[in-house]
């Protein structure tokens, strides 16, 4: 089993965001920034699994 340390995970997330942002077409189609407050529920149990979240 391979474990990813926190720094490595942050670097990979930044690489993905950078890749998506470099193409304005990808950015406008696939990136949506949403703000949440502490203790907000982000995903409900019955939500459709057609996306994933990158949490900064």
N, C-alpha and C. Protein backbone atom coordinates (compact mmCIF):
# COMPACT_ATOMS: atom_id res chain seq x y z
N UNK A 1 0.85 -1.17 0.00
CA UNK A 1 0.00 0.00 0.00
C UNK A 1 0.89 1.23 0.00
N UNK A 2 0.60 2.17 -0.89
CA UNK A 2 1.37 3.41 -0.96
C UNK A 2 0.61 4.53 -0.25
N UNK A 3 1.31 5.20 0.62
CA UNK A 3 0.71 6.32 1.33
C UNK A 3 1.23 7.62 0.73
N UNK A 4 0.39 8.62 0.70
CA UNK A 4 0.77 9.92 0.17
C UNK A 4 0.85 10.89 1.34
N UNK A 5 2.01 11.52 1.49
CA UNK A 5 2.14 12.48 2.58
C UNK A 5 1.39 13.77 2.21
N UNK A 6 1.15 14.60 3.19
CA UNK A 6 0.36 15.82 2.97
C UNK A 6 0.98 16.72 1.91
N UNK A 7 2.29 16.90 1.95
CA UNK A 7 2.95 17.78 0.98
C UNK A 7 2.79 17.24 -0.44
N UNK A 8 2.97 15.95 -0.60
CA UNK A 8 2.82 15.33 -1.91
C UNK A 8 1.40 15.49 -2.45
N UNK A 9 0.42 15.35 -1.58
CA UNK A 9 -0.97 15.51 -1.98
C UNK A 9 -1.24 16.94 -2.42
N UNK A 10 -0.70 17.90 -1.71
CA UNK A 10 -0.88 19.32 -2.06
C UNK A 10 -0.25 19.61 -3.41
N UNK A 11 0.94 19.07 -3.64
CA UNK A 11 1.63 19.29 -4.92
C UNK A 11 0.81 18.69 -6.06
N UNK A 12 0.31 17.49 -5.89
CA UNK A 12 -0.50 16.85 -6.94
C UNK A 12 -1.78 17.64 -7.20
N UNK A 13 -2.43 18.13 -6.17
CA UNK A 13 -3.64 18.92 -6.35
C UNK A 13 -3.31 20.20 -7.11
N UNK A 14 -2.21 20.85 -6.76
CA UNK A 14 -1.82 22.08 -7.44
C UNK A 14 -1.49 21.80 -8.90
N UNK A 15 -0.84 20.67 -9.19
CA UNK A 15 -0.55 20.31 -10.57
C UNK A 15 -1.83 20.12 -11.37
N UNK A 16 -2.82 19.46 -10.79
CA UNK A 16 -4.09 19.26 -11.46
C UNK A 16 -4.80 20.58 -11.72
N UNK A 17 -4.86 21.44 -10.72
CA UNK A 17 -5.50 22.74 -10.90
C UNK A 17 -4.77 23.57 -11.95
N UNK A 18 -3.46 23.56 -11.94
CA UNK A 18 -2.67 24.29 -12.93
C UNK A 18 -2.98 23.79 -14.33
N UNK A 19 -3.03 22.47 -14.49
CA UNK A 19 -3.35 21.88 -15.79
C UNK A 19 -4.73 22.32 -16.26
N UNK A 20 -5.71 22.25 -15.39
CA UNK A 20 -7.07 22.64 -15.77
C UNK A 20 -7.16 24.12 -16.08
N UNK A 21 -6.46 24.95 -15.32
CA UNK A 21 -6.51 26.39 -15.54
C UNK A 21 -5.75 26.81 -16.80
N UNK A 22 -4.79 26.02 -17.29
CA UNK A 22 -4.02 26.40 -18.47
C UNK A 22 -4.88 26.34 -19.73
N UNK A 23 -5.92 25.57 -19.70
CA UNK A 23 -6.84 25.52 -20.84
C UNK A 23 -8.12 26.22 -20.42
N UNK A 24 -8.39 27.36 -21.01
CA UNK A 24 -9.60 28.10 -20.61
C UNK A 24 -10.85 27.29 -20.87
N UNK A 25 -10.83 26.44 -21.88
CA UNK A 25 -11.99 25.59 -22.17
C UNK A 25 -12.22 24.61 -21.03
N UNK A 26 -11.16 23.96 -20.56
CA UNK A 26 -11.31 23.02 -19.44
C UNK A 26 -11.74 23.77 -18.18
N UNK A 27 -11.14 24.91 -17.95
CA UNK A 27 -11.45 25.67 -16.75
C UNK A 27 -12.91 26.09 -16.72
N UNK A 28 -13.42 26.59 -17.83
CA UNK A 28 -14.81 27.05 -17.82
C UNK A 28 -15.79 25.89 -17.77
N UNK A 29 -15.41 24.74 -18.29
CA UNK A 29 -16.32 23.60 -18.29
C UNK A 29 -16.27 22.79 -17.01
N UNK A 30 -15.09 22.72 -16.36
CA UNK A 30 -14.93 21.75 -15.28
C UNK A 30 -14.59 22.32 -13.92
N UNK A 31 -14.22 23.55 -13.82
CA UNK A 31 -13.82 24.10 -12.52
C UNK A 31 -14.88 25.06 -12.02
N UNK A 32 -15.30 24.83 -10.82
CA UNK A 32 -16.25 25.72 -10.17
C UNK A 32 -15.78 25.89 -8.73
N UNK A 33 -15.43 27.11 -8.37
CA UNK A 33 -14.99 27.36 -7.00
C UNK A 33 -16.20 27.67 -6.13
N UNK A 34 -16.28 26.98 -5.03
CA UNK A 34 -17.38 27.14 -4.08
C UNK A 34 -16.77 27.34 -2.70
N UNK A 35 -17.34 28.25 -1.94
CA UNK A 35 -16.87 28.48 -0.58
C UNK A 35 -17.82 27.82 0.41
N UNK A 36 -17.25 27.25 1.43
CA UNK A 36 -18.02 26.62 2.48
C UNK A 36 -17.57 27.18 3.82
N UNK A 37 -18.46 27.14 4.76
CA UNK A 37 -18.11 27.52 6.12
C UNK A 37 -17.86 26.26 6.95
N UNK A 38 -17.21 26.43 8.05
CA UNK A 38 -16.93 25.32 8.95
C UNK A 38 -18.24 24.62 9.31
N UNK A 39 -18.22 23.29 9.26
CA UNK A 39 -19.34 22.41 9.58
C UNK A 39 -20.43 22.37 8.51
N UNK A 40 -20.23 23.01 7.36
CA UNK A 40 -21.18 22.87 6.26
C UNK A 40 -21.11 21.45 5.71
N UNK A 41 -22.23 20.96 5.26
CA UNK A 41 -22.27 19.64 4.61
C UNK A 41 -22.04 19.87 3.13
N UNK A 42 -21.01 19.25 2.60
CA UNK A 42 -20.64 19.45 1.20
C UNK A 42 -21.37 18.46 0.30
N UNK A 43 -21.44 17.22 0.71
CA UNK A 43 -22.06 16.18 -0.11
C UNK A 43 -23.12 15.47 0.72
N UNK A 44 -24.30 15.34 0.15
CA UNK A 44 -25.38 14.59 0.79
C UNK A 44 -25.27 13.12 0.39
N UNK A 45 -25.76 12.19 1.21
CA UNK A 45 -25.64 10.76 0.91
C UNK A 45 -26.23 10.36 -0.45
N UNK A 46 -27.26 11.02 -0.93
CA UNK A 46 -27.89 10.63 -2.19
C UNK A 46 -27.45 11.47 -3.39
N UNK A 47 -26.41 12.29 -3.23
CA UNK A 47 -25.92 13.10 -4.35
C UNK A 47 -25.37 12.21 -5.46
N UNK A 48 -25.55 12.66 -6.69
CA UNK A 48 -25.03 11.94 -7.85
C UNK A 48 -23.50 11.97 -7.84
N UNK A 49 -22.85 10.84 -8.06
CA UNK A 49 -21.38 10.80 -8.04
C UNK A 49 -20.77 11.19 -9.39
N UNK A 50 -21.12 12.35 -9.91
CA UNK A 50 -20.61 12.76 -11.22
C UNK A 50 -19.55 13.85 -11.13
N UNK A 51 -18.99 14.06 -9.95
CA UNK A 51 -17.93 15.05 -9.79
C UNK A 51 -17.08 14.68 -8.58
N UNK A 52 -15.99 15.40 -8.42
CA UNK A 52 -15.19 15.24 -7.22
C UNK A 52 -14.77 16.62 -6.75
N UNK A 53 -14.40 16.70 -5.51
CA UNK A 53 -14.05 17.98 -4.90
C UNK A 53 -12.57 18.00 -4.54
N UNK A 54 -11.94 19.11 -4.82
CA UNK A 54 -10.59 19.38 -4.35
C UNK A 54 -10.73 20.46 -3.31
N UNK A 55 -10.34 20.15 -2.11
CA UNK A 55 -10.53 21.09 -1.02
C UNK A 55 -9.21 21.75 -0.69
N UNK A 56 -9.21 23.06 -0.79
CA UNK A 56 -8.00 23.84 -0.53
C UNK A 56 -7.86 24.10 0.92
